[in-house]
Amino acid sequence: MEDFGRRLRAGAARFARALTWRRVLAAFVLLTALATTPWAWVRISSAPHRHTAADVPGAPVALVLGAGLTRSGAPTSFLAGRLDVAAELYRTGRVEVLLVSGDNGTTDYDEPGAMRDYLVARGVPGQVVVADYAGFDTWDSCTRAKRVFGVSELIVVTQSFHLPRAVALCRAAGLEARGVGHDTSRGWAVTTAYGHFREVFAAGKAMWDGLVTRPDPTFLGPPEMGVTSALRL
């Protein structure tokens, strides 16, 4: 009888250990699913709408997302790359207007102004460059393009590693959006690798903003006619 009791207790202990491991495995599977589902949504939903500058279908507007300024106030190398792509889209007739969207949260930091100056210095007519001074993040830029500037169809321009999220968010904001990316993998391999890594985590917020909460941008403001007026030129 005592031997039977020991076997029973040993069996119960083995069962408890197995149950614990099953719980750990279940928790791991759940956490993995929670982590990868937003990334999968970003990649899959944007896949048919990502292009190169050479094969992207035309659209009235290119939305160029900000990527920071240097200490001198000039566009960073990443931002300059995006602007070069946008200028190419304009020169080849794929877009008519460039909407440059970035941070102008303080008087001494004017990202859209620097973007506009860069484009004009490279031959893009100033009257077709429209500035969005409250593009504080990707969702803000996309939803303001729709709700403030009245855009319904555009090509969003950013780095290639950021492009899936940018296209997915713009389409979630109600835009007929396609995207073209600036490839930085050769000149900035380490930074680009970090960008890809960061996008895995940023996808969670993107899915939450785009599909669940759909928040107002940081600054909504009244409608602006800049894009509409530029398209009439």
Foldseek 3Di string as FASTA:
>chain_A
DVVVVVVVVVVVVVVVVVVVVVVVVVVVVVVVCLLCVLVCCLCVVQVVQEDALVPHAADAEEEEEADDADPVQAGDPQSLLLLVSVLSCCVVPRYQAYEYEEEPPDVVHARLVNSLVSSVVVPDDSLRYHYHHQCHDLLQSLLLCCQAAPAAEYEYEGAPLCFSLSQSSNVLSRHNYHYHHRYCCVVCVPVVVVSNVVVSRVSSVSCCCSPNPVDHGPDNDHHDHSNVVSSVD
